[in-house]
Protein backbone atom coordinates (compact mmCIF):
# COMPACT_ATOMS: atom_id res chain seq x y z
CA MET A 1 14.08 51.05 -81.60
CA ASN A 2 14.07 48.44 -84.43
CA LYS A 3 15.07 49.60 -87.98
CA ASN A 4 13.65 49.20 -91.34
CA LEU A 5 16.19 47.24 -93.64
CA TYR A 6 16.57 48.70 -97.15
CA ILE A 7 18.82 46.40 -99.71
CA VAL A 8 20.43 49.00 -102.27
CA PRO A 9 22.03 46.63 -105.17
CA TYR A 10 24.72 48.67 -106.02
CA ASP A 11 26.93 47.70 -109.22
CA PHE A 12 28.95 51.37 -109.55
CA THR A 13 26.92 52.74 -112.27
CA PRO A 14 24.91 55.77 -112.39
CA VAL A 15 21.70 54.27 -112.46
CA SER A 16 22.58 52.33 -108.11
CA GLU A 17 24.06 55.78 -107.56
CA LYS A 18 20.73 57.79 -107.94
CA ALA A 19 18.89 54.02 -106.44
CA LEU A 20 21.31 54.49 -103.16
CA GLU A 21 20.68 58.53 -103.16
CA TYR A 22 16.78 57.70 -103.30
CA ALA A 23 17.15 55.05 -100.39
CA LEU A 24 19.51 58.09 -97.92
CA PHE A 25 16.09 60.29 -98.96
CA LEU A 26 13.47 58.06 -97.88
CA GLY A 27 16.26 56.65 -94.62
CA LYS A 28 16.32 60.27 -93.21
CA HIS A 29 12.45 60.16 -92.62
CA VAL A 30 13.00 56.84 -90.43
CA SER A 31 15.35 55.46 -88.16
CA THR A 32 16.75 53.27 -91.40
CA GLU A 33 19.72 50.16 -92.03
CA ILE A 34 20.96 50.71 -95.76
CA LEU A 35 22.16 47.50 -96.95
CA LEU A 36 24.54 48.24 -100.20
CA LEU A 37 24.44 45.40 -102.27
CA HIS A 38 26.97 43.75 -104.97
CA LEU A 39 26.26 40.73 -106.57
CA ALA A 40 29.91 39.87 -108.00
CA PRO A 41 30.10 36.82 -110.93
CA ASP A 42 32.81 35.08 -108.74
CA LYS A 43 35.43 35.45 -105.77
CA ALA A 44 38.09 37.26 -107.38
CA LYS A 45 35.91 39.84 -108.76
CA GLY A 46 33.93 39.49 -105.48
CA MET A 47 36.74 40.78 -103.31
CA VAL A 48 37.99 43.45 -105.39
CA MET A 49 34.28 44.90 -105.43
CA LYS A 50 34.18 44.21 -101.71
CA LYS A 51 37.14 46.30 -100.94
CA LYS A 52 35.63 49.02 -103.38
CA LEU A 53 32.00 48.97 -101.69
CA GLU A 54 33.53 49.41 -98.31
CA GLU A 55 35.62 52.29 -99.25
CA LEU A 56 32.41 53.53 -100.97
CA LYS A 57 30.50 52.81 -97.24
CA ASP A 58 32.82 54.96 -95.31
CA SER A 59 33.08 57.77 -98.03
CA LEU A 60 29.44 58.27 -97.78
CA ASN A 61 27.99 60.91 -95.10
CA SER A 62 24.29 59.44 -93.81
CA PRO A 63 21.87 61.16 -92.53
CA TYR A 64 21.12 61.18 -88.61
CA GLY A 65 19.50 57.89 -87.70
CA VAL A 66 20.79 55.92 -91.16
CA GLU A 67 23.43 52.95 -90.31
CA ILE A 68 25.15 51.87 -93.93
CA THR A 69 26.04 48.25 -93.75
CA ALA A 70 27.99 46.98 -96.76
CA LEU A 71 27.66 42.74 -98.75
CA THR A 72 29.39 41.19 -101.03
CA ARG A 73 28.51 38.11 -102.16
CA VAL A 74 28.68 35.70 -105.20
CA GLY A 75 25.32 35.49 -107.26
CA ASN A 76 22.84 36.37 -109.90
CA ILE A 77 20.94 39.79 -109.15
CA PHE A 78 18.23 37.90 -111.18
CA THR A 79 17.66 35.34 -107.87
CA ASP A 80 19.88 36.04 -105.08
CA ILE A 81 18.45 39.92 -104.02
CA GLY A 82 14.92 38.69 -103.60
CA LYS A 83 16.71 35.69 -101.52
CA ILE A 84 18.94 38.03 -99.54
CA ALA A 85 16.16 40.40 -98.84
CA LYS A 86 14.13 37.18 -97.13
CA GLU A 87 17.30 36.13 -95.24
CA LYS A 88 17.72 39.62 -93.88
CA HIS A 89 14.16 40.75 -93.28
CA ALA A 90 14.32 43.92 -95.61
CA GLN A 91 11.23 45.96 -95.82
CA LEU A 92 12.30 47.60 -98.80
CA ILE A 93 14.52 46.95 -102.09
CA ILE A 94 15.30 50.31 -103.73
CA MET A 95 17.07 49.55 -107.26
CA GLY A 96 17.07 51.20 -110.27
CA THR A 97 16.94 49.78 -113.71
CA HIS A 98 18.41 50.25 -117.18
CA GLY A 99 15.50 50.42 -119.21
CA LYS A 100 13.56 47.45 -121.05
CA ARG A 101 16.51 45.53 -122.51
CA GLY A 102 17.55 44.93 -118.75
CA LEU A 103 13.60 43.70 -117.72
CA GLN A 104 13.65 41.07 -120.17
CA SER A 105 15.79 38.91 -118.19
CA ILE A 106 13.14 38.34 -115.39
């Protein structure tokens, strides 16, 4: 059975926590893999965040049929989320927004 892939960009803020909650809610209705994605500004920060993201993944109580994976890369949210979604053949990107201020950069 093919699983749907949902990407949840995760930056450890309440907004990204809500996006993850919503992805888990949607995922329990279909066979789903949720990819937690963190984009770090540099390799050193990426190593720290990779550990935190793995700890988060391991602490989650995912619904039946939902598999959670984690990926940390060095990159920029404005250019790399779409590239990774295309590379991984994601069906959906579920992310929050920090308001109008963040959208002005897109």
